[in-house]
Amino acid sequence: MTILLPMLLAAAAVVPATPIEPGEWFTSKEYSKTALKVAERGPIAYMIDVAPDGTAVRCVTQENSELDQKVCEIVMKRARFTPATDDQGRPTWGVHDGLASFLMPGKNGRTDRSKFVVTLDRLPDGVTSPAYAKVAFKVDRDGTVSHCASTAGERRRFMQTLEALGPAACDNLAKAYRPVIARNVAGDAVASVQTVLVRFEISKAP
């Protein structure tokens, strides 16, 4: 189904948890053997539940291999954050998306970290497909998405990240995205602030 581009973006004040010196969490110099295994396998994405005081509480990956567990173990030793804040400006739980990645000679270093795809009839003038938008939003304990707005995103080569696509990203996330549910130390579901990178593609002619 082709989705039209909405015209307006509702204001929101949520701010995601911000990692402090993430480049120092997991280095190839300090963890050379594990870094080599990551380079051979490819990037390992992980998610961290972040408490309102900025403490990293839990790390999970899509796979539960020994290498995944090792990456989380290493990251959790140093992961620290500036806490997320909710729509009232209060510190709250956050979910941080991270990536453990080391390049090997001859391998493609491009990693598409988008988690949601939106198909449009057209993109803004001068923008080619695919294009991306990064947004921050609140997730209630039942998984409801609200207070969504564009973030500055990541500056990466070969990737068009446009704040102008934020309205379309937020509109479609609220309708169809299924976010993870953050959990506190006791394992109870909690409201959180999260981010996601949305990929936009042009619909193909039938």
C-alpha atoms as a PDB file:
ATOM      1  CA  MET A   1       0.000   0.000   0.000  1.00  0.00           C
ATOM      2  CA  THR A   2       1.290   3.434  -0.936  1.00  0.00           C
ATOM      3  CA  ILE A   3       1.284   5.938   1.932  1.00  0.00           C
ATOM      4  CA  LEU A   4       0.925   9.659   1.319  1.00  0.00           C
ATOM      5  CA  LEU A   5       3.257  12.165   2.931  1.00  0.00           C
ATOM      6  CA  PRO A   6       1.567  14.088   5.780  1.00  0.00           C
ATOM      7  CA  MET A   7       2.032  17.840   5.833  1.00  0.00           C
ATOM      8  CA  LEU A   8       2.390  18.653   9.538  1.00  0.00           C
ATOM      9  CA  LEU A   9       4.457  17.374  12.463  1.00  0.00           C
ATOM     10  CA  ALA A  10       3.024  17.586  15.952  1.00  0.00           C
ATOM     11  CA  ALA A  11       5.307  19.201  18.484  1.00  0.00           C
ATOM     12  CA  ALA A  12       6.935  16.925  21.054  1.00  0.00           C
ATOM     13  CA  ALA A  13       9.439  17.441  23.805  1.00  0.00           C
ATOM     14  CA  VAL A  14      10.774  13.965  24.498  1.00  0.00           C
ATOM     15  CA  VAL A  15      14.557  13.604  24.444  1.00  0.00           C
ATOM     16  CA  PRO A  16      16.266  10.204  24.054  1.00  0.00           C
ATOM     17  CA  ALA A  17      18.986   8.899  26.341  1.00  0.00           C
ATOM     18  CA  THR A  18      22.332  10.167  25.054  1.00  0.00           C
ATOM     19  CA  PRO A  19      25.370   7.863  25.260  1.00  0.00           C
ATOM     20  CA  ILE A  20      28.474   9.273  26.968  1.00  0.00           C
ATOM     21  CA  GLU A  21      31.697   8.510  25.054  1.00  0.00           C
ATOM     22  CA  PRO A  22      30.301   5.385  23.308  1.00  0.00           C
ATOM     23  CA  GLY A  23      33.503   5.060  21.303  1.00  0.00           C
ATOM     24  CA  GLU A  24      35.267   4.035  24.500  1.00  0.00           C
ATOM     25  CA  TRP A  25      32.839   1.271  25.449  1.00  0.00           C
ATOM     26  CA  PHE A  26      34.219  -1.399  23.155  1.00  0.00           C
ATOM     27  CA  THR A  27      37.592  -0.940  21.442  1.00  0.00           C
ATOM     28  CA  SER A  28      39.519  -3.284  19.162  1.00  0.00           C
ATOM     29  CA  LYS A  29      42.722  -2.446  21.046  1.00  0.00           C
ATOM     30  CA  GLU A  30      41.333  -3.529  24.409  1.00  0.00           C
ATOM     31  CA  TYR A  31      39.227  -6.450  23.178  1.00  0.00           C
ATOM     32  CA  SER A  32      41.125  -7.557  20.081  1.00  0.00           C
ATOM     33  CA  LYS A  33      39.902 -11.182  19.986  1.00  0.00           C
ATOM     34  CA  THR A  34      36.241 -10.290  20.370  1.00  0.00           C
ATOM     35  CA  ALA A  35      36.583  -7.398  17.918  1.00  0.00           C
ATOM     36  CA  LEU A  36      38.065  -9.757  15.310  1.00  0.00           C
ATOM     37  CA  LYS A  37      35.116 -12.126  15.707  1.00  0.00           C
ATOM     38  CA  VAL A  38      32.683  -9.229  15.310  1.00  0.00           C
ATOM     39  CA  ALA A  39      34.523  -8.071  12.179  1.00  0.00           C
ATOM     40  CA  GLU A  40      34.359 -11.562  10.711  1.00  0.00           C
ATOM     41  CA  ARG A  41      30.653 -12.023  11.455  1.00  0.00           C
ATOM     42  CA  GLY A  42      29.494  -8.476  10.788  1.00  0.00           C
ATOM     43  CA  PRO A  43      27.981  -5.668  12.901  1.00  0.00           C
ATOM     44  CA  ILE A  44      26.078  -6.692  16.038  1.00  0.00           C
ATOM     45  CA  ALA A  45      23.150  -4.475  16.969  1.00  0.00           C
ATOM     46  CA  TYR A  46      22.175  -4.245  20.607  1.00  0.00           C
ATOM     47  CA  MET A  47      19.621  -2.385  22.724  1.00  0.00           C
ATOM     48  CA  ILE A  48      20.150  -1.045  26.219  1.00  0.00           C
ATOM     49  CA  ASP A  49      17.425  -0.201  28.734  1.00  0.00           C
ATOM     50  CA  VAL A  50      18.544   3.023  30.417  1.00  0.00           C
ATOM     51  CA  ALA A  51      17.254   4.037  33.864  1.00  0.00           C
ATOM     52  CA  PRO A  52      16.146   7.612  34.666  1.00  0.00           C
ATOM     53  CA  ASP A  53      19.518   8.221  36.362  1.00  0.00           C
ATOM     54  CA  GLY A  54      21.428   7.297  33.169  1.00  0.00           C
ATOM     55  CA  THR A  55      22.459   3.826  34.360  1.00  0.00           C
ATOM     56  CA  ALA A  56      22.549   1.010  31.807  1.00  0.00           C
ATOM     57  CA  VAL A  57      20.297  -1.711  33.227  1.00  0.00           C
ATOM     58  CA  ARG A  58      19.984  -4.354  30.527  1.00  0.00           C
ATOM     59  CA  CYS A  59      21.544  -5.188  27.132  1.00  0.00           C
ATOM     60  CA  VAL A  60      19.895  -7.452  24.564  1.00  0.00           C
ATOM     61  CA  THR A  61      20.620  -8.450  20.960  1.00  0.00           C
ATOM     62  CA  GLN A  62      18.538 -10.054  18.225  1.00  0.00           C
ATOM     63  CA  GLU A  63      20.568 -13.222  18.451  1.00  0.00           C
ATOM     64  CA  ASN A  64      21.568 -14.935  21.661  1.00  0.00           C
ATOM     65  CA  SER A  65      24.906 -16.355  20.564  1.00  0.00           C
ATOM     66  CA  GLU A  66      27.983 -16.466  22.753  1.00  0.00           C
ATOM     67  CA  LEU A  67      29.446 -13.580  20.758  1.00  0.00           C
ATOM     68  CA  ASP A  68      26.306 -11.476  21.225  1.00  0.00           C
ATOM     69  CA  GLN A  69      26.406 -12.082  24.952  1.00  0.00           C
ATOM     70  CA  LYS A  70      30.095 -11.149  25.056  1.00  0.00           C
ATOM     71  CA  VAL A  71      29.457  -7.871  23.245  1.00  0.00           C
ATOM     72  CA  CYS A  72      26.702  -6.971  25.717  1.00  0.00           C
ATOM     73  CA  GLU A  73      28.942  -7.927  28.643  1.00  0.00           C
ATOM     74  CA  ILE A  74      31.717  -5.657  27.408  1.00  0.00           C
ATOM     75  CA  VAL A  75      29.412  -2.735  26.579  1.00  0.00           C
ATOM     76  CA  MET A  76      27.625  -2.872  29.931  1.00  0.00           C
ATOM     77  CA  LYS A  77      30.896  -2.392  31.809  1.00  0.00           C
ATOM     78  CA  ARG A  78      31.185   1.202  30.577  1.00  0.00           C
ATOM     79  CA  ALA A  79      27.843   2.261  29.131  1.00  0.00           C
ATOM     80  CA  ARG A  80      26.687   5.523  30.692  1.00  0.00           C
ATOM     81  CA  PHE A  81      24.062   7.985  29.505  1.00  0.00           C
ATOM     82  CA  THR A  82      22.571  11.386  29.916  1.00  0.00           C
ATOM     83  CA  PRO A  83      19.035  10.320  30.877  1.00  0.00           C
ATOM     84  CA  ALA A  84      16.065  10.500  28.543  1.00  0.00           C
ATOM     85  CA  THR A  85      13.371  13.048  29.394  1.00  0.00           C
ATOM     86  CA  ASP A  86       9.627  12.737  28.826  1.00  0.00           C
ATOM     87  CA  ASP A  87       7.191  15.293  27.390  1.00  0.00           C
ATOM     88  CA  GLN A  88       7.153  17.076  30.774  1.00  0.00           C
ATOM     89  CA  GLY A  89      10.962  17.380  30.882  1.00  0.00           C
ATOM     90  CA  ARG A  90      11.294  14.745  33.625  1.00  0.00           C
ATOM     91  CA  PRO A  91      14.028  12.070  33.574  1.00  0.00           C
ATOM     92  CA  THR A  92      12.534   8.799  32.369  1.00  0.00           C
ATOM     93  CA  TRP A  93      13.476   5.378  31.060  1.00  0.00           C
ATOM     94  CA  GLY A  94      15.062   5.167  27.646  1.00  0.00           C
ATOM     95  CA  VAL A  95      16.012   2.531  25.097  1.00  0.00           C
ATOM     96  CA  HIS A  96      19.300   3.041  23.278  1.00  0.00           C
ATOM     97  CA  ASP A  97      20.144   1.359  19.961  1.00  0.00           C
ATOM     98  CA  GLY A  98      23.851   0.602  19.631  1.00  0.00           C
ATOM     99  CA  LEU A  99      26.065  -1.156  17.114  1.00  0.00           C
ATOM    100  CA  ALA A 100      29.304  -3.064  17.646  1.00  0.00           C
ATOM    101  CA  SER A 101      31.144  -2.888  14.335  1.00  0.00           C
ATOM    102  CA  PHE A 102      34.723  -3.371  13.184  1.00  0.00           C
ATOM    103  CA  LEU A 103      35.769  -3.421   9.524  1.00  0.00           C
ATOM    104  CA  MET A 104      37.928  -6.008   7.797  1.00  0.00           C
ATOM    105  CA  PRO A 105      39.799  -5.245   4.560  1.00  0.00           C
ATOM    106  CA  GLY A 106      37.638  -5.918   1.522  1.00  0.00           C
ATOM    107  CA  LYS A 107      34.323  -5.806   3.373  1.00  0.00           C
ATOM    108  CA  ASN A 108      31.582  -3.241   2.750  1.00  0.00           C
ATOM    109  CA  GLY A 109      31.375  -0.847   5.674  1.00  0.00           C
ATOM    110  CA  ARG A 110      27.822   0.354   4.965  1.00  0.00           C
ATOM    111  CA  THR A 111      25.209  -0.732   7.502  1.00  0.00           C
ATOM    112  CA  ASP A 112      21.533   0.050   7.070  1.00  0.00           C
ATOM    113  CA  ARG A 113      20.214   0.429  10.625  1.00  0.00           C
ATOM    114  CA  SER A 114      16.643   1.285   9.699  1.00  0.00           C
ATOM    115  CA  LYS A 115      13.945  -0.695  11.516  1.00  0.00           C
ATOM    116  CA  PHE A 116      10.860   0.510   9.686  1.00  0.00           C
ATOM    117  CA  VAL A 117      10.133   1.107   5.999  1.00  0.00           C
ATOM    118  CA  VAL A 118       7.649   3.597   4.554  1.00  0.00           C
ATOM    119  CA  THR A 119       6.647   3.550   0.883  1.00  0.00           C
ATOM    120  CA  LEU A 120       5.706   6.853  -0.743  1.00  0.00           C
ATOM    121  CA  ASP A 121       4.419   7.984  -4.137  1.00  0.00           C
ATOM    122  CA  ARG A 122       7.226  10.507  -4.258  1.00  0.00           C
ATOM    123  CA  LEU A 123       9.987  12.052  -2.181  1.00  0.00           C
ATOM    124  CA  PRO A 124      10.792  15.774  -1.820  1.00  0.00           C
ATOM    125  CA  ASP A 125      12.406  17.374  -4.882  1.00  0.00           C
ATOM    126  CA  GLY A 126      16.078  16.496  -5.208  1.00  0.00           C
ATOM    127  CA  VAL A 127      15.858  13.501  -2.867  1.00  0.00           C
ATOM    128  CA  THR A 128      16.540  10.023  -4.229  1.00  0.00           C
ATOM    129  CA  SER A 129      15.331   6.691  -2.889  1.00  0.00           C
ATOM    130  CA  PRO A 130      16.105   5.422  -0.315  1.00  0.00           C
ATOM    131  CA  ALA A 131      16.056   8.319   2.128  1.00  0.00           C
ATOM    132  CA  TYR A 132      15.965   8.253   5.923  1.00  0.00           C
ATOM    133  CA  ALA A 133      14.568  10.088   8.935  1.00  0.00           C
ATOM    134  CA  LYS A 134      15.456   9.551  12.583  1.00  0.00           C
ATOM    135  CA  VAL A 135      12.742  10.244  15.127  1.00  0.00           C
ATOM    136  CA  ALA A 136      12.354  10.134  18.909  1.00  0.00           C
ATOM    137  CA  PHE A 137       9.093   9.153  20.578  1.00  0.00           C
ATOM    138  CA  LYS A 138       7.474   8.011  23.794  1.00  0.00           C
ATOM    139  CA  VAL A 139       6.437   4.374  24.239  1.00  0.00           C
ATOM    140  CA  ASP A 140       3.877   3.624  26.942  1.00  0.00           C
ATOM    141  CA  ARG A 141       3.944   0.388  28.934  1.00  0.00           C
ATOM    142  CA  ASP A 142       1.410  -1.130  26.535  1.00  0.00           C
ATOM    143  CA  GLY A 143       3.501  -0.242  23.462  1.00  0.00           C
ATOM    144  CA  THR A 144       1.537   2.842  22.374  1.00  0.00           C
ATOM    145  CA  VAL A 145       3.671   5.340  20.437  1.00  0.00           C
ATOM    146  CA  SER A 146       3.176   9.087  21.068  1.00  0.00           C
ATOM    147  CA  HIS A 147       4.988  12.455  21.209  1.00  0.00           C
ATOM    148  CA  CYS A 148       7.017  11.663  18.098  1.00  0.00           C
ATOM    149  CA  ALA A 149       9.316  14.214  16.458  1.00  0.00           C
ATOM    150  CA  SER A 150      12.407  14.387  14.255  1.00  0.00           C
ATOM    151  CA  THR A 151      15.874  14.261  15.785  1.00  0.00           C
ATOM    152  CA  ALA A 152      19.117  15.483  14.299  1.00  0.00           C
ATOM    153  CA  GLY A 153      19.917  11.898  13.342  1.00  0.00           C
ATOM    154  CA  GLU A 154      23.295  10.547  12.331  1.00  0.00           C
ATOM    155  CA  ARG A 155      25.567  12.019   9.725  1.00  0.00           C
ATOM    156  CA  ARG A 156      26.737   9.115   7.595  1.00  0.00           C
ATOM    157  CA  ARG A 157      28.190   8.871   4.135  1.00  0.00           C
ATOM    158  CA  PHE A 158      25.929   7.426   1.448  1.00  0.00           C
ATOM    159  CA  MET A 159      22.821   8.076   3.574  1.00  0.00           C
ATOM    160  CA  GLN A 160      20.279  10.879   3.097  1.00  0.00           C
ATOM    161  CA  THR A 161      18.871  11.662   6.558  1.00  0.00           C
ATOM    162  CA  LEU A 162      16.215  14.366   6.284  1.00  0.00           C
ATOM    163  CA  GLU A 163      14.302  16.038   9.110  1.00  0.00           C
ATOM    164  CA  ALA A 164      11.668  17.003   6.515  1.00  0.00           C
ATOM    165  CA  LEU A 165      10.612  13.352   6.388  1.00  0.00           C
ATOM    166  CA  GLY A 166       9.926  13.312  10.126  1.00  0.00           C
ATOM    167  CA  PRO A 167       6.163  13.944   9.733  1.00  0.00           C
ATOM    168  CA  ALA A 168       5.739  10.889   7.523  1.00  0.00           C
ATOM    169  CA  ALA A 169       7.909   8.784   9.823  1.00  0.00           C
ATOM    170  CA  CYS A 170       5.937   9.734  12.938  1.00  0.00           C
ATOM    171  CA  ASP A 171       2.549   9.325  11.268  1.00  0.00           C
ATOM    172  CA  ASN A 172       3.320   5.793  10.128  1.00  0.00           C
ATOM    173  CA  LEU A 173       5.119   4.727  13.293  1.00  0.00           C
ATOM    174  CA  ALA A 174       2.011   5.549  15.331  1.00  0.00           C
ATOM    175  CA  LYS A 175      -0.071   3.360  13.017  1.00  0.00           C
ATOM    176  CA  ALA A 176       2.098   0.331  12.406  1.00  0.00           C
ATOM    177  CA  TYR A 177       5.368   0.232  14.358  1.00  0.00           C
ATOM    178  CA  ARG A 178       5.778  -2.304  17.146  1.00  0.00           C
ATOM    179  CA  PRO A 179       8.420  -0.983  19.547  1.00  0.00           C
ATOM    180  CA  VAL A 180      10.205  -2.976  22.221  1.00  0.00           C
ATOM    181  CA  ILE A 181       8.924  -2.503  25.757  1.00  0.00           C
ATOM    182  CA  ALA A 182      11.479  -1.176  28.238  1.00  0.00           C
ATOM    183  CA  ARG A 183      11.694  -2.974  31.570  1.00  0.00           C
ATOM    184  CA  ASN A 184      13.039  -1.857  34.907  1.00  0.00           C
ATOM    185  CA  VAL A 185      15.413  -3.783  37.148  1.00  0.00           C
ATOM    186  CA  ALA A 186      12.546  -5.920  38.453  1.00  0.00           C
ATOM    187  CA  GLY A 187      11.466  -6.781  34.910  1.00  0.00           C
ATOM    188  CA  ASP A 188       8.285  -4.693  34.979  1.00  0.00           C
ATOM    189  CA  ALA A 189       7.203  -2.827  31.838  1.00  0.00           C
ATOM    190  CA  VAL A 190       7.843   0.931  31.996  1.00  0.00           C
ATOM    191  CA  ALA A 191       7.175   3.895  29.736  1.00  0.00           C
ATOM    192  CA  SER A 192      10.281   4.966  27.829  1.00  0.00           C
ATOM    193  CA  VAL A 193      11.703   7.280  25.195  1.00  0.00           C
ATOM    194  CA  GLN A 194      13.109   5.581  22.097  1.00  0.00           C
ATOM    195  CA  THR A 195      14.493   6.409  18.678  1.00  0.00           C
ATOM    196  CA  VAL A 196      14.238   4.666  15.348  1.00  0.00           C
ATOM    197  CA  LEU A 197      15.693   5.196  11.885  1.00  0.00           C
ATOM    198  CA  VAL A 198      12.975   5.031   9.218  1.00  0.00           C
ATOM    199  CA  ARG A 199      13.765   4.229   5.581  1.00  0.00           C
ATOM    200  CA  PHE A 200      11.666   5.794   2.811  1.00  0.00           C
ATOM    201  CA  GLU A 201      11.319   4.161  -0.584  1.00  0.00           C
ATOM    202  CA  ILE A 202       9.428   5.057  -3.748  1.00  0.00           C
ATOM    203  CA  SER A 203       6.580   2.682  -4.559  1.00  0.00           C
ATOM    204  CA  LYS A 204       7.250   0.471  -7.573  1.00  0.00           C
ATOM    205  CA  ALA A 205       4.911   0.653 -10.516  1.00  0.00           C
ATOM    206  CA  PRO A 206       2.607  -2.408 -10.797  1.00  0.00           C
END
